[in-house]
Amino acid sequence: MSEYTRKYPYEKTMVLNTIYDAVDTIDFLIDRANSMRGTLITSSVSFPQIGGRVAISPELSKDVTVVEVFPFTDDECQLEWIAAFFDEMQSLMKRAGLEGIK
């Protein structure tokens, strides 16, 4: 699994709500959303060049939702926000009493 990908043992809507909260907490904006494709384009409030596309998709064979981040670029700043984003998602799930990632 890529450092830009996480699998969560929950339905897509629950994971999507966690994503919205995590994006807000790390001070990012949702610039665009496509609910049909399950994608969000996010960027930093302070540094708009930092961000990327977040894809949310259920796995077909399991009760699992996959979250993949496709950063705008591959520089180190991108890696930092992605790590903070996934850490915040994990923290929010723990506070809600849910298990972590697979």
Protein backbone atom coordinates (compact mmCIF):
# COMPACT_ATOMS: atom_id res chain seq x y z
CA MET A 1 0.00 0.00 0.00
CA SER A 2 1.28 3.45 -0.93
CA GLU A 3 2.08 6.10 1.68
CA TYR A 4 -0.74 8.04 -0.01
CA THR A 5 -3.35 5.30 0.56
CA ARG A 6 -5.27 4.07 3.59
CA LYS A 7 -8.03 1.50 3.98
CA TYR A 8 -10.75 1.95 6.58
CA PRO A 9 -13.18 -0.80 7.70
CA TYR A 10 -16.22 1.48 7.39
CA GLU A 11 -18.76 2.49 4.80
CA LYS A 12 -17.97 5.36 2.47
CA THR A 13 -20.26 7.92 4.12
CA MET A 14 -18.64 7.50 7.53
CA VAL A 15 -15.15 7.85 6.05
CA LEU A 16 -16.24 10.87 4.01
CA ASN A 17 -17.52 12.64 7.14
CA THR A 18 -14.18 11.97 8.82
CA ILE A 19 -12.38 13.39 5.78
CA TYR A 20 -14.42 16.60 5.96
CA ASP A 21 -13.53 17.02 9.65
CA ALA A 22 -9.84 16.24 9.06
CA VAL A 23 -9.60 18.72 6.16
CA ASP A 24 -11.11 21.42 8.36
CA THR A 25 -8.84 20.60 11.31
CA ILE A 26 -5.61 20.84 9.28
CA ASP A 27 -6.80 24.22 7.95
CA PHE A 28 -7.44 23.14 4.37
CA LEU A 29 -10.31 24.00 2.04
CA ILE A 30 -12.37 21.80 -0.22
CA ASP A 31 -12.01 23.62 -3.52
CA ARG A 32 -14.15 21.22 -5.54
CA ALA A 33 -16.07 18.04 -4.91
CA ASN A 34 -17.43 15.41 -7.27
CA SER A 35 -19.77 13.08 -5.42
CA MET A 36 -20.33 10.89 -8.48
CA ARG A 37 -16.60 10.12 -8.77
CA GLY A 38 -15.91 10.26 -5.04
CA THR A 39 -13.22 12.92 -5.25
CA LEU A 40 -12.34 16.13 -3.44
CA ILE A 41 -9.81 18.76 -4.48
CA THR A 42 -8.26 20.28 -1.36
CA SER A 43 -5.75 23.04 -0.74
CA SER A 44 -4.14 24.79 2.21
CA VAL A 45 -5.75 28.02 3.40
CA SER A 46 -2.32 29.59 3.97
CA PHE A 47 -0.43 28.01 1.06
CA PRO A 48 -2.79 27.31 -1.90
CA GLN A 49 -0.05 25.50 -3.85
CA ILE A 50 -0.12 22.74 -1.22
CA GLY A 51 -2.92 20.24 -1.66
CA GLY A 52 -4.23 17.64 -4.03
CA ARG A 53 -7.04 15.29 -4.97
CA VAL A 54 -8.52 12.93 -2.39
CA ALA A 55 -10.26 9.89 -3.87
CA ILE A 56 -12.72 7.86 -1.80
CA SER A 57 -13.88 4.47 -3.06
CA PRO A 58 -15.34 1.33 -1.52
CA GLU A 59 -13.53 -1.95 -2.13
CA LEU A 60 -15.76 -4.26 -4.11
CA SER A 61 -14.97 -7.48 -2.27
CA LYS A 62 -14.98 -6.19 1.33
CA ASP A 63 -16.69 -3.75 3.68
CA VAL A 64 -13.75 -1.37 3.35
CA THR A 65 -13.34 2.19 2.05
CA VAL A 66 -10.09 3.19 0.37
CA VAL A 67 -8.80 6.76 0.64
CA GLU A 68 -6.06 7.80 -1.80
CA VAL A 69 -4.34 11.18 -1.98
CA PHE A 70 -2.87 12.46 -5.22
CA PRO A 71 -0.78 15.54 -4.35
CA PHE A 72 -0.35 18.49 -6.71
CA THR A 73 3.42 17.84 -6.72
CA ASP A 74 5.85 15.35 -5.14
CA ASP A 75 7.81 17.82 -3.02
CA GLU A 76 8.37 17.38 0.73
CA CYS A 77 5.67 19.89 1.75
CA GLN A 78 3.08 17.67 0.08
CA LEU A 79 4.22 14.66 2.09
CA GLU A 80 3.86 16.60 5.33
CA TRP A 81 0.22 17.58 4.80
CA ILE A 82 -0.71 14.09 3.66
CA ALA A 83 0.80 12.61 6.83
CA ALA A 84 -1.01 15.22 8.95
CA PHE A 85 -4.27 14.52 7.11
CA PHE A 86 -4.12 10.75 7.69
CA ASP A 87 -2.99 11.24 11.31
CA GLU A 88 -5.96 13.53 11.93
CA MET A 89 -8.36 11.01 10.36
CA GLN A 90 -6.97 8.32 12.65
CA SER A 91 -7.28 10.58 15.68
CA LEU A 92 -10.89 11.50 14.86
CA MET A 93 -11.82 7.84 14.44
CA LYS A 94 -10.22 6.94 17.78
CA ARG A 95 -12.11 9.75 19.55
CA ALA A 96 -15.32 8.41 18.05
CA GLY A 97 -14.52 4.95 19.46
CA LEU A 98 -13.86 3.37 16.07
CA GLU A 99 -11.04 1.03 15.15
CA GLY A 100 -8.20 2.26 13.05
CA ILE A 101 -7.06 1.56 9.55
CA LYS A 102 -6.43 -1.78 7.92
